[in-house]
Amino acid sequence: MSAPEKQPSPVPRGARLVVACILGTLALTGLDLGTKALVEDRLSERPTWDPPPVCEVTEGGRLRGPQRIPTSPIVLIDGYLEFHYAENCGAAFGLMNKAPSWVRRTIFAGAAAITCLALLWMFARGFGGGLFAWSVPLIVSGALGNLVDRVRYGYVVDFIRFHWQGQWSYPTFNVADCTITVGVVLFLIDGFMEDRRAKREASSAGPAPKSDAKTEVEA
């Protein structure tokens, strides 16, 4: 019985593609941090009193208060979409918002570092298809943008707010959350497409030829 065919190893991507990926990551990270700085300057102000400790929660699990006070939002679509300053002590869309500070910092910093290093290594080594290549700078830039906020402030600045005439509101998010979401979608689609391509190639190759050699039995 013949051994199964070995899958071809991925071909490392060239230096130009790696440089393009890094430049794209830096550009998107700069866009995220730039919009946050603009929102912080235009849509918030420092309180006249001493703010509570960063992301401190009450015994009931509620945040004691923000470090900066939101000012009037910029309304894009009246009753539905606006730019509104918010501080997010948790992950994307407010997840883990009430977890202890040391837990958040450890988990978020570790997850961001592992994600960025793993994706950049996979990109350089040639894993994935075209959509994967596009997903890497999107995901990595989002992770870096939010990580910079956490290291600098202890929280993430969010400002994009969808709501339904004030009756319902989607968790406020930022540019980094958008790039991460789009990147993850592209990553998953690429994995699905690559899996289907591998199955098609395996089926078109057909079964491995059988050996005509027979085992000789001693008389």
Protein backbone atom coordinates (compact mmCIF):
# COMPACT_ATOMS: atom_id res chain seq x y z
CA MET A 1 0.00 0.00 0.00
CA SER A 2 1.52 3.34 -1.08
CA ALA A 3 2.02 6.19 1.39
CA PRO A 4 -0.37 9.17 1.13
CA GLU A 5 0.91 12.12 -0.88
CA LYS A 6 2.54 14.82 1.20
CA GLN A 7 0.89 18.24 1.00
CA PRO A 8 3.19 20.85 -0.59
CA SER A 9 4.79 23.26 1.86
CA PRO A 10 3.71 26.92 1.63
CA VAL A 11 6.00 29.20 -0.34
CA PRO A 12 7.28 32.14 1.76
CA ARG A 13 6.01 35.51 0.58
CA GLY A 14 8.54 37.89 -0.94
CA ALA A 15 10.13 40.82 0.83
CA ARG A 16 7.97 43.33 -1.06
CA LEU A 17 4.75 41.73 0.18
CA VAL A 18 6.06 41.60 3.74
CA VAL A 19 7.03 45.28 3.58
CA ALA A 20 3.61 46.14 2.08
CA CYS A 21 1.92 44.25 4.93
CA ILE A 22 3.95 46.13 7.54
CA LEU A 23 3.29 49.51 5.90
CA GLY A 24 -0.43 48.75 5.66
CA THR A 25 -0.47 47.77 9.31
CA LEU A 26 1.27 50.99 10.35
CA ALA A 27 -1.07 53.11 8.20
CA LEU A 28 -4.21 51.54 9.66
CA THR A 29 -2.82 51.78 13.19
CA GLY A 30 -2.09 55.46 12.59
CA LEU A 31 -5.63 56.00 11.29
CA ASP A 32 -7.09 54.40 14.41
CA LEU A 33 -4.91 56.35 16.84
CA GLY A 34 -5.42 59.58 14.90
CA THR A 35 -9.21 59.35 15.00
CA LYS A 36 -9.10 58.55 18.72
CA ALA A 37 -6.90 61.56 19.41
CA LEU A 38 -9.22 63.80 17.39
CA VAL A 39 -12.29 62.51 19.21
CA GLU A 40 -10.60 62.91 22.58
CA ASP A 41 -9.72 66.52 21.73
CA ARG A 42 -13.04 67.54 20.15
CA LEU A 43 -15.64 65.42 21.93
CA SER A 44 -14.40 65.30 25.53
CA GLU A 45 -12.85 67.48 28.22
CA ARG A 46 -11.03 67.03 31.49
CA PRO A 47 -13.26 67.17 34.58
CA THR A 48 -12.80 70.01 37.05
CA TRP A 49 -12.64 67.46 39.87
CA ASP A 50 -10.29 64.55 40.45
CA PRO A 51 -11.58 61.55 38.46
CA PRO A 52 -11.83 58.12 40.11
CA PRO A 53 -9.07 55.55 39.58
CA VAL A 54 -8.94 54.26 36.01
CA CYS A 55 -11.63 51.64 35.34
CA GLU A 56 -12.40 51.21 39.04
CA VAL A 57 -15.68 49.42 39.68
CA THR A 58 -18.08 49.56 42.61
CA GLU A 59 -19.07 46.56 44.72
CA GLY A 60 -22.04 46.18 42.41
CA GLY A 61 -19.75 45.88 39.39
CA ARG A 62 -20.47 49.31 37.90
CA LEU A 63 -17.73 51.66 36.70
CA ARG A 64 -17.29 54.60 39.08
CA GLY A 65 -16.78 57.14 36.32
CA PRO A 66 -14.78 58.16 33.23
CA GLN A 67 -11.44 59.94 33.16
CA ARG A 68 -12.76 62.53 30.70
CA ILE A 69 -16.25 64.01 30.37
CA PRO A 70 -18.05 63.59 27.01
CA THR A 71 -19.17 66.82 25.36
CA SER A 72 -21.84 67.23 22.67
CA PRO A 73 -21.68 64.39 20.11
CA ILE A 74 -21.38 64.85 16.36
CA VAL A 75 -24.66 63.62 14.88
CA LEU A 76 -24.24 61.94 11.49
CA ILE A 77 -27.75 60.49 11.08
CA ASP A 78 -30.22 61.98 13.52
CA GLY A 79 -31.62 59.30 15.81
CA TYR A 80 -29.37 56.54 14.48
CA LEU A 81 -25.64 57.30 14.12
CA GLU A 82 -23.29 59.67 15.92
CA PHE A 83 -19.71 60.18 17.10
CA HIS A 84 -19.75 60.12 20.89
CA TYR A 85 -16.74 59.92 23.24
CA ALA A 86 -16.66 56.80 25.44
CA GLU A 87 -14.09 54.92 27.50
CA ASN A 88 -14.04 51.14 27.18
CA CYS A 89 -12.32 49.25 29.98
CA GLY A 90 -13.09 45.89 28.37
CA ALA A 91 -12.46 44.27 25.01
CA ALA A 92 -14.21 45.02 21.73
CA PHE A 93 -17.80 46.20 22.24
CA GLY A 94 -17.35 46.35 26.04
CA LEU A 95 -16.55 42.70 26.78
CA MET A 96 -14.87 42.14 30.19
CA ASN A 97 -15.66 45.75 31.06
CA LYS A 98 -16.03 44.91 34.76
CA ALA A 99 -13.13 42.47 35.17
CA PRO A 100 -10.28 43.41 37.57
CA SER A 101 -7.68 45.71 36.03
CA TRP A 102 -4.78 43.26 36.28
CA VAL A 103 -6.85 40.53 34.61
CA ARG A 104 -7.74 42.81 31.71
CA ARG A 105 -4.19 44.03 31.20
CA THR A 106 -2.70 40.53 31.31
CA ILE A 107 -5.26 38.93 29.00
CA PHE A 108 -5.42 41.77 26.48
CA ALA A 109 -1.67 42.36 26.25
CA GLY A 110 -0.94 38.64 25.96
CA ALA A 111 -3.67 38.04 23.39
CA ALA A 112 -2.59 41.02 21.29
CA ALA A 113 1.07 40.00 21.29
CA ILE A 114 0.37 36.36 20.43
CA THR A 115 -2.12 37.29 17.70
CA CYS A 116 0.18 39.81 16.03
CA LEU A 117 3.26 37.59 16.10
CA ALA A 118 1.38 34.50 14.89
CA LEU A 119 -0.34 36.28 11.99
CA LEU A 120 2.81 38.08 10.84
CA TRP A 121 4.76 34.81 10.97
CA MET A 122 2.07 32.98 8.98
CA PHE A 123 2.01 35.81 6.43
CA ALA A 124 5.79 35.76 5.96
CA ARG A 125 5.88 31.95 5.70
CA GLY A 126 3.28 31.97 2.92
CA PHE A 127 0.27 30.47 4.67
CA GLY A 128 -3.25 31.22 3.45
CA GLY A 129 -4.56 32.74 0.26
CA GLY A 130 -5.25 36.25 -0.97
CA LEU A 131 -7.96 37.06 1.55
CA PHE A 132 -5.72 35.92 4.39
CA ALA A 133 -3.03 38.31 3.15
CA TRP A 134 -5.53 41.18 3.33
CA SER A 135 -6.77 40.11 6.77
CA VAL A 136 -3.37 40.27 8.46
CA PRO A 137 -2.80 44.07 8.43
CA LEU A 138 -6.46 44.62 9.34
CA ILE A 139 -6.35 42.37 12.41
CA VAL A 140 -2.84 43.30 13.54
CA SER A 141 -3.43 47.05 13.21
CA GLY A 142 -6.63 46.80 15.24
CA ALA A 143 -4.92 44.80 17.96
CA LEU A 144 -2.02 47.26 18.10
CA GLY A 145 -4.26 50.33 18.11
CA ASN A 146 -6.30 49.16 21.07
CA LEU A 147 -3.19 47.87 22.85
CA VAL A 148 -1.56 51.32 22.63
CA ASP A 149 -4.63 52.82 24.30
CA ARG A 150 -4.55 50.24 27.10
CA VAL A 151 -0.86 50.82 27.78
CA ARG A 152 -1.23 54.62 27.64
CA TYR A 153 -4.58 55.10 29.39
CA GLY A 154 -5.68 51.80 30.89
CA TYR A 155 -8.79 51.88 28.68
CA VAL A 156 -9.72 52.19 24.98
CA VAL A 157 -11.30 55.27 23.43
CA ASP A 158 -14.48 54.42 21.47
CA PHE A 159 -16.65 56.85 19.55
CA ILE A 160 -18.83 55.24 16.83
CA ARG A 161 -22.33 54.82 18.23
CA PHE A 162 -25.30 53.22 16.48
CA HIS A 163 -28.63 53.59 18.23
CA TRP A 164 -32.34 53.48 17.48
CA GLN A 165 -33.76 56.88 18.37
CA GLY A 166 -32.28 56.61 21.85
CA GLN A 167 -34.31 53.49 22.70
CA TRP A 168 -31.63 50.94 21.81
CA SER A 169 -27.88 51.39 21.44
CA TYR A 170 -25.22 49.12 19.95
CA PRO A 171 -21.98 48.96 21.97
CA THR A 172 -19.81 51.94 21.02
CA PHE A 173 -16.73 50.99 18.98
CA ASN A 174 -13.80 52.50 17.07
CA VAL A 175 -11.76 52.10 13.88
CA ALA A 176 -9.65 49.31 15.40
CA ASP A 177 -12.77 47.29 16.18
CA CYS A 178 -13.90 47.75 12.56
CA THR A 179 -10.60 46.57 11.08
CA ILE A 180 -10.47 43.57 13.43
CA THR A 181 -14.02 42.57 12.51
CA VAL A 182 -13.43 42.87 8.76
CA GLY A 183 -10.09 41.08 9.09
CA VAL A 184 -11.57 38.15 11.01
CA VAL A 185 -14.34 37.78 8.40
CA LEU A 186 -11.74 37.69 5.59
CA PHE A 187 -9.63 35.25 7.62
CA LEU A 188 -12.56 32.84 8.04
CA ILE A 189 -13.63 33.10 4.39
CA ASP A 190 -10.06 32.44 3.26
CA GLY A 191 -9.82 29.37 5.49
CA PHE A 192 -13.08 28.03 4.05
CA MET A 193 -11.96 28.66 0.47
CA GLU A 194 -8.52 27.14 1.02
CA ASP A 195 -10.10 24.04 2.56
CA ARG A 196 -12.43 23.62 -0.44
CA ARG A 197 -9.52 24.12 -2.84
CA ALA A 198 -7.45 21.47 -1.08
CA LYS A 199 -10.35 19.01 -1.25
CA ARG A 200 -10.87 19.68 -4.98
CA GLU A 201 -7.19 19.12 -5.69
CA ALA A 202 -7.23 15.90 -3.69
CA SER A 203 -10.30 14.58 -5.52
CA SER A 204 -8.97 15.54 -8.98
CA ALA A 205 -5.71 13.74 -8.28
CA GLY A 206 -7.66 10.51 -7.80
CA PRO A 207 -6.72 7.54 -5.64
CA ALA A 208 -3.10 6.51 -5.40
CA PRO A 209 -2.16 3.66 -7.81
CA LYS A 210 -2.09 0.22 -6.25
CA SER A 211 1.13 -1.75 -6.23
CA ASP A 212 1.25 -4.90 -8.41
CA ALA A 213 3.82 -6.51 -6.21
CA LYS A 214 2.60 -9.53 -4.33
CA THR A 215 3.95 -10.95 -1.16
CA GLU A 216 5.86 -14.13 -1.81
CA VAL A 217 5.11 -17.02 0.48
CA GLU A 218 7.86 -19.52 1.10
CA ALA A 219 7.03 -23.10 0.30
